[in-house]
Protein backbone atom coordinates (compact mmCIF):
# COMPACT_ATOMS: atom_id res chain seq x y z
CA UNK A 1 112.82 -12.98 259.98
CA UNK A 2 113.72 -11.82 256.44
CA UNK A 3 111.31 -12.91 253.73
CA UNK A 4 112.65 -14.90 250.78
CA UNK A 5 113.33 -12.43 247.91
CA UNK A 6 111.67 -14.62 245.28
CA UNK A 7 108.56 -14.97 247.43
CA UNK A 8 108.50 -11.20 248.05
CA UNK A 9 108.65 -10.49 244.30
CA UNK A 10 105.96 -13.04 243.41
CA UNK A 11 103.55 -11.89 246.14
CA UNK A 12 104.19 -8.14 245.76
CA UNK A 13 101.27 -7.55 243.33
CA UNK A 14 98.88 -9.07 245.86
CA UNK A 15 100.13 -7.25 248.95
CA UNK A 16 97.83 -4.73 250.62
CA UNK A 17 100.72 -2.28 250.69
CA UNK A 18 100.93 -2.34 246.88
CA UNK A 19 97.26 -1.47 246.51
CA UNK A 20 97.54 1.29 249.10
CA UNK A 21 100.53 2.72 247.22
CA UNK A 22 98.53 2.50 243.98
CA UNK A 23 95.56 4.27 245.60
CA UNK A 24 97.83 7.06 246.83
CA UNK A 25 99.42 7.55 243.41
CA UNK A 26 96.00 7.52 241.75
CA UNK A 27 94.82 10.24 244.14
CA UNK A 28 98.08 12.18 243.89
CA UNK A 29 97.73 12.66 240.11
CA UNK A 30 94.51 14.75 240.15
CA UNK A 31 95.55 16.40 243.41
CA UNK A 32 98.82 17.46 241.78
CA UNK A 33 96.87 18.93 238.87
CA UNK A 34 94.55 20.81 241.22
CA UNK A 35 97.53 22.08 243.21
CA UNK A 36 99.11 23.36 240.00
CA UNK A 37 95.92 25.23 239.07
CA UNK A 38 95.63 26.58 242.63
CA UNK A 39 99.16 27.97 242.58
CA UNK A 40 98.93 29.30 239.02
CA UNK A 41 95.58 31.02 239.44
CA UNK A 42 96.08 32.14 243.04
CA UNK A 43 99.53 33.63 242.68
CA UNK A 44 98.80 34.82 239.15
CA UNK A 45 95.78 36.86 240.19
CA UNK A 46 97.46 37.98 243.41
CA UNK A 47 100.61 39.22 241.70
CA UNK A 48 98.59 40.85 238.91
CA UNK A 49 96.54 42.80 241.46
CA UNK A 50 99.54 43.77 243.60
CA UNK A 51 99.67 47.31 242.17
CA UNK A 52 96.09 47.76 243.46
CA UNK A 53 97.24 46.65 246.95
CA UNK A 54 94.45 44.06 247.00
CA UNK A 55 96.86 41.48 245.63
CA UNK A 56 99.13 41.48 248.68
CA UNK A 57 96.51 40.06 251.09
CA UNK A 58 95.42 37.66 248.34
CA UNK A 59 98.96 36.34 247.94
CA UNK A 60 99.16 35.97 251.72
CA UNK A 61 95.91 33.95 251.74
CA UNK A 62 97.16 31.74 248.91
CA UNK A 63 100.37 31.17 250.84
CA UNK A 64 98.46 30.24 254.00
CA UNK A 65 96.26 27.96 251.92
CA UNK A 66 99.30 25.72 251.62
CA UNK A 67 98.60 24.70 255.22
CA UNK A 68 95.18 23.37 254.17
CA UNK A 69 96.68 21.42 251.28
CA UNK A 70 99.33 20.10 253.63
CA UNK A 71 96.64 18.81 255.98
CA UNK A 72 95.01 16.95 253.08
CA UNK A 73 98.29 15.29 252.13
CA UNK A 74 99.07 14.41 255.76
CA UNK A 75 95.71 12.65 256.09
CA UNK A 76 96.25 10.71 252.86
CA UNK A 77 99.82 9.79 253.78
CA UNK A 78 98.74 8.55 257.21
CA UNK A 79 95.81 6.54 255.83
CA UNK A 80 97.49 4.98 252.78
CA UNK A 81 101.25 5.14 253.29
CA UNK A 82 101.42 4.74 257.06
CA UNK A 83 103.36 8.01 257.30
CA UNK A 84 101.90 9.88 260.27
CA UNK A 85 103.44 13.26 261.04
CA UNK A 86 102.20 15.77 263.63
CA UNK A 87 100.67 19.11 262.73
CA UNK A 88 103.04 22.07 262.37
CA UNK A 89 102.69 24.94 264.83
CA UNK A 90 99.43 26.86 264.32
CA UNK A 91 99.40 30.18 262.52
CA UNK A 92 99.25 32.91 265.16
CA UNK A 93 99.23 36.37 263.54
CA UNK A 94 99.48 39.63 265.37
CA UNK A 95 96.43 41.93 265.49
CA UNK A 96 95.64 44.14 262.55
CA UNK A 97 96.12 43.85 258.80
CA UNK A 98 99.84 44.51 258.90
CA UNK A 99 100.23 42.00 261.72
CA UNK A 100 98.38 39.41 259.64
CA UNK A 101 100.51 40.10 256.55
CA UNK A 102 103.76 40.04 258.53
CA UNK A 103 102.73 36.78 260.16
CA UNK A 104 101.69 35.19 256.86
CA UNK A 105 104.84 36.11 254.94
CA UNK A 106 107.01 35.16 257.91
CA UNK A 107 105.29 31.82 258.54
CA UNK A 108 107.95 29.17 257.92
CA UNK A 109 105.42 26.32 257.88
CA UNK A 110 103.49 27.97 255.03
CA UNK A 111 106.64 28.44 252.94
CA UNK A 112 107.63 24.82 253.53
CA UNK A 113 104.11 23.74 252.51
CA UNK A 114 104.42 25.89 249.36
CA UNK A 115 107.66 24.12 248.44
CA UNK A 116 105.92 20.80 249.06
CA UNK A 117 103.09 21.77 246.70
CA UNK A 118 105.50 22.82 243.96
CA UNK A 119 107.24 19.45 244.21
CA UNK A 120 103.86 17.71 244.21
CA UNK A 121 103.04 19.23 240.84
CA UNK A 122 106.09 17.44 239.43
CA UNK A 123 106.04 14.32 241.57
CA UNK A 124 102.29 13.84 241.89
CA UNK A 125 100.93 14.97 238.56
CA UNK A 126 103.78 14.42 236.08
CA UNK A 127 105.70 11.47 237.54
CA UNK A 128 102.54 9.91 238.98
CA UNK A 129 100.78 10.01 235.61
CA UNK A 130 103.70 8.28 233.90
CA UNK A 131 103.84 5.66 236.65
CA UNK A 132 100.13 4.94 236.21
CA UNK A 133 100.63 4.64 232.44
CA UNK A 134 103.45 2.17 233.02
CA UNK A 135 101.34 0.13 235.45
CA UNK A 136 98.38 0.16 233.06
CA UNK A 137 100.57 -0.92 230.13
CA UNK A 138 102.01 -3.76 232.22
CA UNK A 139 98.50 -4.94 233.05
CA UNK A 140 97.40 -4.76 229.42
CA UNK A 141 100.41 -6.75 228.24
CA UNK A 142 99.84 -9.38 230.92
CA UNK A 143 96.21 -9.76 229.76
CA UNK A 144 97.09 -9.83 226.05
CA UNK A 145 96.53 -13.62 225.67
CA UNK A 146 93.02 -13.26 227.09
CA UNK A 147 92.30 -10.32 224.78
CA UNK A 148 93.62 -12.32 221.82
CA UNK A 149 91.40 -15.25 222.77
CA UNK A 150 88.18 -13.23 223.18
CA UNK A 151 88.59 -10.62 220.44
CA UNK A 152 89.06 -10.65 216.71
CA UNK A 153 91.45 -7.70 216.26
CA UNK A 154 92.47 -6.93 212.70
CA UNK A 155 95.09 -4.37 211.64
CA UNK A 156 95.85 -3.33 208.06
CA UNK A 157 99.41 -2.43 207.23
CA UNK A 158 100.60 0.17 204.69
CA UNK A 159 100.43 -2.36 201.86
CA UNK A 160 96.80 -3.14 202.58
CA UNK A 161 97.54 -6.56 204.08
CA UNK A 162 95.30 -7.54 206.97
CA UNK A 163 96.89 -8.86 210.18
CA UNK A 164 95.00 -10.42 213.06
CA UNK A 165 96.78 -8.28 215.61
CA UNK A 166 96.03 -5.74 218.33
CA UNK A 167 99.65 -4.81 219.18
CA UNK A 168 102.16 -3.40 216.73
CA UNK A 169 105.79 -2.41 217.30
CA UNK A 170 106.83 -0.69 214.07
CA UNK A 171 106.62 -3.40 211.41
CA UNK A 172 106.39 -6.13 214.05
CA UNK A 173 102.83 -7.41 214.51
CA UNK A 174 101.70 -9.61 217.38
CA UNK A 175 99.67 -11.85 215.12
CA UNK A 176 100.32 -15.38 216.36
CA UNK A 177 100.00 -17.32 219.56
CA UNK A 178 103.75 -17.59 220.18
CA UNK A 179 104.10 -13.85 219.85
CA UNK A 180 101.03 -13.26 222.02
CA UNK A 181 102.36 -15.55 224.74
CA UNK A 182 105.74 -13.82 224.55
CA UNK A 183 104.08 -10.42 225.05
CA UNK A 184 102.01 -11.86 227.89
CA UNK A 185 105.14 -13.17 229.61
CA UNK A 186 106.77 -9.74 229.30
CA UNK A 187 103.59 -8.24 230.77
CA UNK A 188 103.70 -10.61 233.75
CA UNK A 189 107.31 -9.64 234.41
CA UNK A 190 106.31 -5.98 234.22
CA UNK A 191 103.45 -6.63 236.66
CA UNK A 192 105.96 -8.16 239.08
CA UNK A 193 108.11 -5.03 238.75
CA UNK A 194 105.21 -2.55 238.96
CA UNK A 195 104.74 -2.83 242.78
CA UNK A 196 108.34 -1.80 243.31
CA UNK A 197 107.89 1.17 241.00
CA UNK A 198 104.83 2.15 243.01
CA UNK A 199 106.74 1.60 246.24
CA UNK A 200 109.57 3.90 245.16
CA UNK A 201 107.04 6.57 244.12
CA UNK A 202 105.20 6.25 247.44
CA UNK A 203 108.53 6.40 249.28
CA UNK A 204 109.34 9.71 247.57
CA UNK A 205 105.94 11.07 248.61
CA UNK A 206 106.52 9.90 252.18
CA UNK A 207 109.93 11.57 252.30
CA UNK A 208 108.40 14.83 251.11
CA UNK A 209 105.64 14.63 253.72
CA UNK A 210 108.13 13.96 256.51
CA UNK A 211 110.61 16.54 255.31
CA UNK A 212 108.31 19.47 254.52
CA UNK A 213 104.96 18.96 256.28
CA UNK A 214 106.19 17.80 259.68
CA UNK A 215 107.32 20.27 262.35
CA UNK A 216 111.01 21.13 262.22
CA UNK A 217 113.41 20.48 265.09
CA UNK A 218 113.06 24.12 266.03
CA UNK A 219 109.26 23.87 266.06
CA UNK A 220 109.40 20.71 268.18
CA UNK A 221 111.84 22.34 270.59
CA UNK A 222 109.59 25.40 270.97
CA UNK A 223 106.50 23.20 271.52
CA UNK A 224 108.39 21.08 274.05
CA UNK A 225 109.56 24.16 275.95
CA UNK A 226 106.00 25.52 275.97
CA UNK A 227 104.70 22.20 277.31
CA UNK A 228 107.38 22.15 280.00
CA UNK A 229 106.51 25.71 281.00
CA UNK A 230 102.81 24.81 281.23
CA UNK A 231 103.68 21.75 283.30
CA UNK A 232 105.85 23.79 285.66
CA UNK A 233 103.18 26.48 286.02
CA UNK A 234 100.44 23.88 286.58
CA UNK A 235 102.59 22.07 289.14
CA UNK A 236 103.37 25.24 291.08
CA UNK A 237 99.70 26.30 290.91
CA UNK A 238 98.57 22.93 292.24
CA UNK A 239 101.13 23.14 295.04
CA UNK A 240 99.98 26.63 296.02
CA UNK A 241 96.34 25.52 296.02
CA UNK A 242 97.19 22.51 298.17
CA UNK A 243 99.06 24.68 300.65
CA UNK A 244 96.23 27.20 300.72
CA UNK A 245 93.67 24.45 301.29
CA UNK A 246 95.75 22.82 304.03
CA UNK A 247 96.30 26.15 305.79
CA UNK A 248 92.64 27.11 305.51
CA UNK A 249 91.11 23.79 306.47
CA UNK A 250 93.72 22.65 308.98
CA UNK A 251 96.05 25.10 310.66
CA UNK A 252 93.80 28.16 310.35
CA UNK A 253 90.82 26.31 311.80
CA UNK A 254 92.95 25.00 314.66
CA UNK A 255 94.30 28.50 315.43
CA UNK A 256 90.73 29.84 315.49
CA UNK A 257 89.82 27.12 317.99
CA UNK A 258 92.85 28.04 320.15
CA UNK A 259 91.88 31.74 320.04
CA UNK A 260 88.31 30.93 321.10
CA UNK A 261 89.56 28.72 323.95
CA UNK A 262 91.89 31.46 325.19
CA UNK A 263 89.07 33.99 324.93
CA UNK A 264 86.81 31.84 327.13
CA UNK A 265 89.71 31.27 329.53
CA UNK A 266 90.20 35.03 329.81
CA UNK A 267 86.51 35.49 330.59
CA UNK A 268 86.68 32.86 333.33
CA UNK A 269 89.77 34.42 334.85
CA UNK A 270 88.05 37.81 334.92
CA UNK A 271 85.14 36.26 336.78
CA UNK A 272 87.46 34.39 339.19
CA UNK A 273 86.54 30.93 337.82
CA UNK A 274 88.98 28.14 337.06
CA UNK A 275 90.31 28.28 333.45
CA UNK A 276 92.95 25.54 333.68
CA UNK A 277 91.03 23.13 331.45
CA UNK A 278 90.69 25.68 328.64
CA UNK A 279 94.36 26.69 328.88
CA UNK A 280 95.38 23.02 328.71
CA UNK A 281 93.20 22.49 325.62
CA UNK A 282 94.68 25.60 323.98
CA UNK A 283 98.18 24.38 324.77
CA UNK A 284 97.44 20.98 323.20
CA UNK A 285 95.91 22.67 320.15
CA UNK A 286 99.04 24.81 319.77
CA UNK A 287 101.22 21.69 319.69
CA UNK A 288 99.00 20.11 317.05
CA UNK A 289 99.11 23.29 314.96
CA UNK A 290 102.91 23.25 315.13
CA UNK A 291 102.93 19.64 313.93
CA UNK A 292 100.68 20.56 311.01
CA UNK A 293 102.90 23.52 310.12
CA UNK A 294 105.94 21.24 310.16
CA UNK A 295 104.14 18.88 307.77
CA UNK A 296 103.33 21.80 305.47
CA UNK A 297 106.94 22.96 305.53
CA UNK A 298 108.03 19.40 304.79
CA UNK A 299 105.70 19.46 301.78
CA UNK A 300 107.44 22.58 300.45
CA UNK A 301 111.01 21.49 301.12
CA UNK A 302 111.60 18.39 303.25
CA UNK A 303 114.16 19.05 306.01
CA UNK A 304 115.63 15.60 305.34
CA UNK A 305 116.95 16.89 302.02
CA UNK A 306 119.38 19.11 303.90
CA UNK A 307 121.35 15.91 304.56
CA UNK A 308 121.13 14.76 300.96
CA UNK A 309 118.79 12.69 298.80
CA UNK A 310 119.94 9.37 300.25
CA UNK A 311 119.03 10.42 303.81
CA UNK A 312 115.68 11.78 302.59
CA UNK A 313 114.87 8.51 300.81
CA UNK A 314 115.80 6.58 303.96
CA UNK A 315 113.26 8.72 305.85
CA UNK A 316 110.59 7.95 303.26
CA UNK A 317 111.35 4.23 303.40
CA UNK A 318 111.18 4.22 307.20
CA UNK A 319 107.80 6.01 307.22
CA UNK A 320 106.21 3.83 304.52
CA UNK A 321 103.37 1.57 305.65
CA UNK A 322 104.95 -1.43 303.85
CA UNK A 323 108.56 -2.61 304.17
CA UNK A 324 110.80 -0.89 301.63
CA UNK A 325 114.14 -2.23 300.45
CA UNK A 326 116.30 0.80 299.63
CA UNK A 327 119.52 0.90 297.67
CA UNK A 328 121.23 4.18 296.82
CA UNK A 329 124.39 4.70 294.80
CA UNK A 330 124.79 8.45 294.46
CA UNK A 331 128.42 9.41 293.86
CA UNK A 332 127.28 12.77 292.47
CA UNK A 333 124.81 14.80 294.51
CA UNK A 334 122.03 16.27 292.33
CA UNK A 335 121.11 19.93 292.46
CA UNK A 336 118.55 20.97 295.12
CA UNK A 337 115.72 21.33 292.57
CA UNK A 338 116.37 17.83 291.18
CA UNK A 339 116.59 16.40 294.70
CA UNK A 340 113.18 17.88 295.51
CA UNK A 341 111.61 16.40 292.36
CA UNK A 342 113.20 13.03 293.10
CA UNK A 343 112.01 13.09 296.73
CA UNK A 344 108.41 13.95 295.91
CA UNK A 345 108.35 11.45 293.03
CA UNK A 346 109.43 8.58 295.28
CA UNK A 347 107.02 9.74 297.99
CA UNK A 348 104.09 9.75 295.55
CA UNK A 349 105.06 6.37 294.09
CA UNK A 350 105.33 4.76 297.53
CA UNK A 351 101.93 6.21 298.42
CA UNK A 352 100.51 4.60 295.26
CA UNK A 353 102.12 1.29 296.23
CA UNK A 354 100.43 1.36 299.64
CA UNK A 355 97.03 2.45 298.30
CA UNK A 356 96.65 0.53 295.07
CA UNK A 357 99.15 -2.31 294.58
CA UNK A 358 98.02 -4.73 297.30
CA UNK A 359 101.63 -5.73 297.88
CA UNK A 360 103.37 -6.30 301.19
CA UNK A 361 106.78 -4.95 300.16
CA UNK A 362 108.44 -2.53 297.79
CA UNK A 363 111.91 -1.74 296.53
CA UNK A 364 113.47 1.61 295.73
CA UNK A 365 116.68 2.00 293.74
CA UNK A 366 118.51 5.29 293.15
CA UNK A 367 121.75 5.68 291.25
CA UNK A 368 123.43 8.52 289.44
CA UNK A 369 126.38 9.35 287.27
CA UNK A 370 127.84 12.64 286.15
CA UNK A 371 124.74 13.54 284.11
CA UNK A 372 121.74 11.37 285.03
CA UNK A 373 119.81 10.37 288.15
CA UNK A 374 117.66 7.23 287.82
CA UNK A 375 115.01 6.31 290.39
CA UNK A 376 113.18 2.97 290.27
CA UNK A 377 110.23 1.94 292.45
CA UNK A 378 109.15 -1.70 292.15
CA UNK A 379 106.35 -3.66 293.78
CA UNK A 380 105.04 -7.19 293.33
CA UNK A 381 101.40 -6.14 293.43
CA UNK A 382 98.51 -6.73 291.07
CA UNK A 383 99.96 -4.66 288.20
CA UNK A 384 97.90 -3.29 285.33
CA UNK A 385 99.05 0.31 285.85
CA UNK A 386 98.58 2.38 282.70
CA UNK A 387 101.43 4.74 281.79
CA UNK A 388 100.49 8.42 281.55
CA UNK A 389 100.19 9.99 278.12
CA UNK A 390 101.72 13.29 277.08
CA UNK A 391 98.26 14.75 276.35
CA UNK A 392 96.99 13.84 279.81
CA UNK A 393 96.43 16.81 282.08
CA UNK A 394 99.05 16.81 284.88
CA UNK A 395 96.61 17.17 287.77
CA UNK A 396 98.24 14.55 289.96
CA UNK A 397 99.25 10.93 290.16
CA UNK A 398 101.54 9.52 287.48
CA UNK A 399 100.52 12.23 285.00
CA UNK A 400 101.66 14.90 287.46
CA UNK A 401 104.93 13.07 288.12
CA UNK A 402 105.57 12.67 284.39
CA UNK A 403 104.88 16.37 283.80
CA UNK A 404 107.20 17.34 286.66
CA UNK A 405 109.94 15.13 285.20
CA UNK A 406 109.47 16.55 281.70
CA UNK A 407 109.78 20.07 283.07
CA UNK A 408 113.51 19.38 283.61
CA UNK A 409 114.04 17.23 280.48
CA UNK A 410 113.42 14.01 282.38
CA UNK A 411 110.98 11.19 281.74
CA UNK A 412 108.82 8.66 283.56
CA UNK A 413 108.26 5.13 282.27
CA UNK A 414 105.90 2.46 283.57
CA UNK A 415 106.13 -1.31 283.05
CA UNK A 416 103.16 -3.00 284.71
CA UNK A 417 101.76 -6.20 283.17
CA UNK A 418 98.60 -7.66 284.67
CA UNK A 419 99.58 -9.65 287.73
CA UNK A 420 102.69 -7.55 288.33
CA UNK A 421 105.32 -6.61 288.98
CA UNK A 422 105.00 -2.85 288.54
CA UNK A 423 108.22 -0.98 287.83
CA UNK A 424 108.15 2.81 287.58
CA UNK A 425 111.39 4.49 286.50
CA UNK A 426 112.01 8.22 286.78
CA UNK A 427 115.03 9.52 284.87
CA UNK A 428 116.21 13.02 285.73
CA UNK A 429 119.24 15.14 284.92
CA UNK A 430 121.65 15.69 287.80
CA UNK A 431 121.28 19.45 287.36
CA UNK A 432 118.45 21.54 285.96
CA UNK A 433 119.17 22.15 282.26
CA UNK A 434 119.78 25.75 281.29
């Protein structure tokens, strides 16, 4: 609902936002002055000492110092202006002095911070000081009737005539109540306009913070690719560890048991005793080992996927411990890698439904178009499922599924109010992005 404009103007001086904007401008004025001294002294000394070669590392340090100043402004902007921007990529120089210098002078974030500081000298110190003067003058004019009432100001003009006045505009003296009240009314109007002047100034500061202190699109793309690579590596490492553990604890142990049974059977046969029981046990153990190996192979690449994702999801629905209503509309078959991610995502989500939801039924929906595959798993259970965060380590569960989806430019969303229902949606591209 849009606030009435007259009400917004009248209440603006009393809004918390106005006072936060004022606090930021008040802090920006001395900070802008300090930044100006920092740049003048730092670069001045550095450039003056460049012929001695000592100045080059000094200039590099001054340039990198812009990152520290940028952090200060980001903290202030987040606390007072509500402008929260992430940190730029960290400075990662190569080894050695020349590696450090090359990294410093090639650091795009430091150059952008330097440009921000130069603009802050003008915007923070110069413009901010004039804005504060205007706000202070507005407040003084608004309080002029009170000052007139409490004080006995006397001014003497050029002719030696005394005037009871504390404000003078050329030959015009504010020396009577009507004139004082007129000045006070002008001051009140200025006080009503001052919050909007502060808001525009704070808006300019916020635009500078977003434009020069936040990571660029290129930086965000690089960070996202690095996160996807870590997620893919962590996922493959976890899969290898699981396979190794399953082989070591399951199939390998069973094969050792079979070998021992066959060894005892051989000893009995050599002594002429009956070894039929041991051979039967070894035969049964061999069948169980084959079943376990099939399960391990299914965990790497489910055979059902050879017939397509729809057939694989039907297999999952049929094996689930609770009834699953399945609906698939897949006019475009996803790539094998996307099918595998989709299969394991639905398998993990159905496992969570059985273990944690307390429901007696679930529903799975899968549909695709030329570019996107969308999977939805819904249950009517107890709800209260927390969505995974990006910073959460993808060691399994929803965090692992989200990381696996992000590795191919997909995403996982969770809607789960207390009391249910829980709806988990996995959105994937039809093909792995290049």
